[in-house]
Amino acid sequence: MQDLQAGITAIVAAITRVPAHAIGPDTDLRLDLNVDSLQGLQIMAAIEKRFGIQVPDAELDAYTTVRAIGEAVARLRTN
């Protein structure tokens, strides 16, 4: 799970231009990093591509932290 979170953190850092060391598992993408809807879609598209998953559109708003995204990726990879 730690490698998964590191990969997600790297994607978030690249898109937000926030250093990866400043992004923790519980950093809120919207509140702490000011991620807007376009950046949110870019992050999720990059995660879907990197991990070979498809995140249902109805669930996108629920994933606001690296930890929440990691848990969703882990769940979706097993399905």
C-alpha atoms as a PDB file:
ATOM      1  CA  MET A   1       0.000   0.000   0.000  1.00  0.00           C
ATOM      2  CA  GLN A   2       2.936   2.318   0.664  1.00  0.00           C
ATOM      3  CA  ASP A   3       4.158   2.002  -2.966  1.00  0.00           C
ATOM      4  CA  LEU A   4       0.632   2.721  -4.126  1.00  0.00           C
ATOM      5  CA  GLN A   5       0.434   5.869  -2.005  1.00  0.00           C
ATOM      6  CA  ALA A   6       3.880   6.966  -3.216  1.00  0.00           C
ATOM      7  CA  GLY A   7       2.710   6.628  -6.827  1.00  0.00           C
ATOM      8  CA  ILE A   8      -0.452   8.593  -6.137  1.00  0.00           C
ATOM      9  CA  THR A   9       1.515  11.250  -4.269  1.00  0.00           C
ATOM     10  CA  ALA A  10       3.897  11.599  -7.231  1.00  0.00           C
ATOM     11  CA  ILE A  11       0.963  12.129  -9.593  1.00  0.00           C
ATOM     12  CA  VAL A  12      -0.653  14.697  -7.297  1.00  0.00           C
ATOM     13  CA  ALA A  13       2.681  16.499  -6.885  1.00  0.00           C
ATOM     14  CA  ALA A  14       3.283  16.640 -10.631  1.00  0.00           C
ATOM     15  CA  ILE A  15      -0.151  18.051 -11.403  1.00  0.00           C
ATOM     16  CA  THR A  16      -0.372  20.481  -8.485  1.00  0.00           C
ATOM     17  CA  ARG A  17       3.320  21.436  -8.555  1.00  0.00           C
ATOM     18  CA  VAL A  18       3.456  20.922  -4.798  1.00  0.00           C
ATOM     19  CA  PRO A  19       6.562  19.055  -3.577  1.00  0.00           C
ATOM     20  CA  ALA A  20       5.790  15.407  -2.848  1.00  0.00           C
ATOM     21  CA  HIS A  21       7.263  15.696   0.659  1.00  0.00           C
ATOM     22  CA  ALA A  22       4.564  18.272   1.454  1.00  0.00           C
ATOM     23  CA  ILE A  23       1.746  15.863   0.553  1.00  0.00           C
ATOM     24  CA  GLY A  24       0.749  13.370   3.233  1.00  0.00           C
ATOM     25  CA  PRO A  25      -1.781  10.545   3.188  1.00  0.00           C
ATOM     26  CA  ASP A  26      -4.441  12.762   4.758  1.00  0.00           C
ATOM     27  CA  THR A  27      -3.710  15.967   2.859  1.00  0.00           C
ATOM     28  CA  ASP A  28      -7.039  17.178   1.493  1.00  0.00           C
ATOM     29  CA  LEU A  29      -6.594  17.862  -2.202  1.00  0.00           C
ATOM     30  CA  ARG A  30      -9.240  20.581  -2.281  1.00  0.00           C
ATOM     31  CA  LEU A  31      -8.783  22.268   1.085  1.00  0.00           C
ATOM     32  CA  ASP A  32      -5.020  21.951   1.531  1.00  0.00           C
ATOM     33  CA  LEU A  33      -3.785  22.002  -2.088  1.00  0.00           C
ATOM     34  CA  ASN A  34      -6.551  24.062  -3.708  1.00  0.00           C
ATOM     35  CA  VAL A  35      -7.113  21.431  -6.407  1.00  0.00           C
ATOM     36  CA  ASP A  36      -9.829  22.648  -8.754  1.00  0.00           C
ATOM     37  CA  SER A  37     -12.179  20.442 -10.766  1.00  0.00           C
ATOM     38  CA  LEU A  38      -9.912  20.369 -13.827  1.00  0.00           C
ATOM     39  CA  GLN A  39      -6.877  19.353 -11.792  1.00  0.00           C
ATOM     40  CA  GLY A  40      -9.006  16.752 -10.020  1.00  0.00           C
ATOM     41  CA  LEU A  41      -9.951  15.212 -13.350  1.00  0.00           C
ATOM     42  CA  GLN A  42      -6.319  15.306 -14.484  1.00  0.00           C
ATOM     43  CA  ILE A  43      -5.224  13.558 -11.298  1.00  0.00           C
ATOM     44  CA  MET A  44      -7.863  10.841 -11.612  1.00  0.00           C
ATOM     45  CA  ALA A  45      -7.139  10.312 -15.334  1.00  0.00           C
ATOM     46  CA  ALA A  46      -3.432   9.908 -14.572  1.00  0.00           C
ATOM     47  CA  ILE A  47      -4.204   7.481 -11.730  1.00  0.00           C
ATOM     48  CA  GLU A  48      -6.542   5.445 -13.928  1.00  0.00           C
ATOM     49  CA  LYS A  49      -3.876   5.219 -16.622  1.00  0.00           C
ATOM     50  CA  ARG A  50      -1.013   4.445 -14.218  1.00  0.00           C
ATOM     51  CA  PHE A  51      -2.861   1.745 -12.292  1.00  0.00           C
ATOM     52  CA  GLY A  52      -5.063   0.347 -15.075  1.00  0.00           C
ATOM     53  CA  ILE A  53      -8.377   1.021 -13.374  1.00  0.00           C
ATOM     54  CA  GLN A  54     -11.631   2.831 -14.131  1.00  0.00           C
ATOM     55  CA  VAL A  55     -13.023   5.019 -11.351  1.00  0.00           C
ATOM     56  CA  PRO A  56     -16.798   5.424 -11.608  1.00  0.00           C
ATOM     57  CA  ASP A  57     -17.689   9.080 -12.196  1.00  0.00           C
ATOM     58  CA  ALA A  58     -20.229   8.980  -9.362  1.00  0.00           C
ATOM     59  CA  GLU A  59     -17.395   8.222  -6.901  1.00  0.00           C
ATOM     60  CA  LEU A  60     -14.940  10.937  -7.939  1.00  0.00           C
ATOM     61  CA  ASP A  61     -16.013  13.484  -5.323  1.00  0.00           C
ATOM     62  CA  ALA A  62     -15.439  10.979  -2.515  1.00  0.00           C
ATOM     63  CA  TYR A  63     -11.690  10.741  -3.109  1.00  0.00           C
ATOM     64  CA  THR A  64     -10.239  13.862  -1.560  1.00  0.00           C
ATOM     65  CA  THR A  65      -7.063  12.497   0.071  1.00  0.00           C
ATOM     66  CA  VAL A  66      -4.156  10.325  -1.064  1.00  0.00           C
ATOM     67  CA  ARG A  67      -5.266   7.699   1.453  1.00  0.00           C
ATOM     68  CA  ALA A  68      -8.845   7.634   0.098  1.00  0.00           C
ATOM     69  CA  ILE A  69      -7.593   7.437  -3.486  1.00  0.00           C
ATOM     70  CA  GLY A  70      -5.180   4.639  -2.538  1.00  0.00           C
ATOM     71  CA  GLU A  71      -7.933   2.630  -0.874  1.00  0.00           C
ATOM     72  CA  ALA A  72     -10.132   3.043  -3.949  1.00  0.00           C
ATOM     73  CA  VAL A  73      -7.325   2.014  -6.310  1.00  0.00           C
ATOM     74  CA  ALA A  74      -6.570  -1.064  -4.196  1.00  0.00           C
ATOM     75  CA  ARG A  75     -10.262  -2.016  -4.185  1.00  0.00           C
ATOM     76  CA  LEU A  76     -10.705  -1.433  -7.919  1.00  0.00           C
ATOM     77  CA  ARG A  77      -7.565  -3.391  -8.802  1.00  0.00           C
ATOM     78  CA  THR A  78      -8.932  -6.492  -7.075  1.00  0.00           C
ATOM     79  CA  ASN A  79     -12.250  -6.354  -8.948  1.00  0.00           C
END
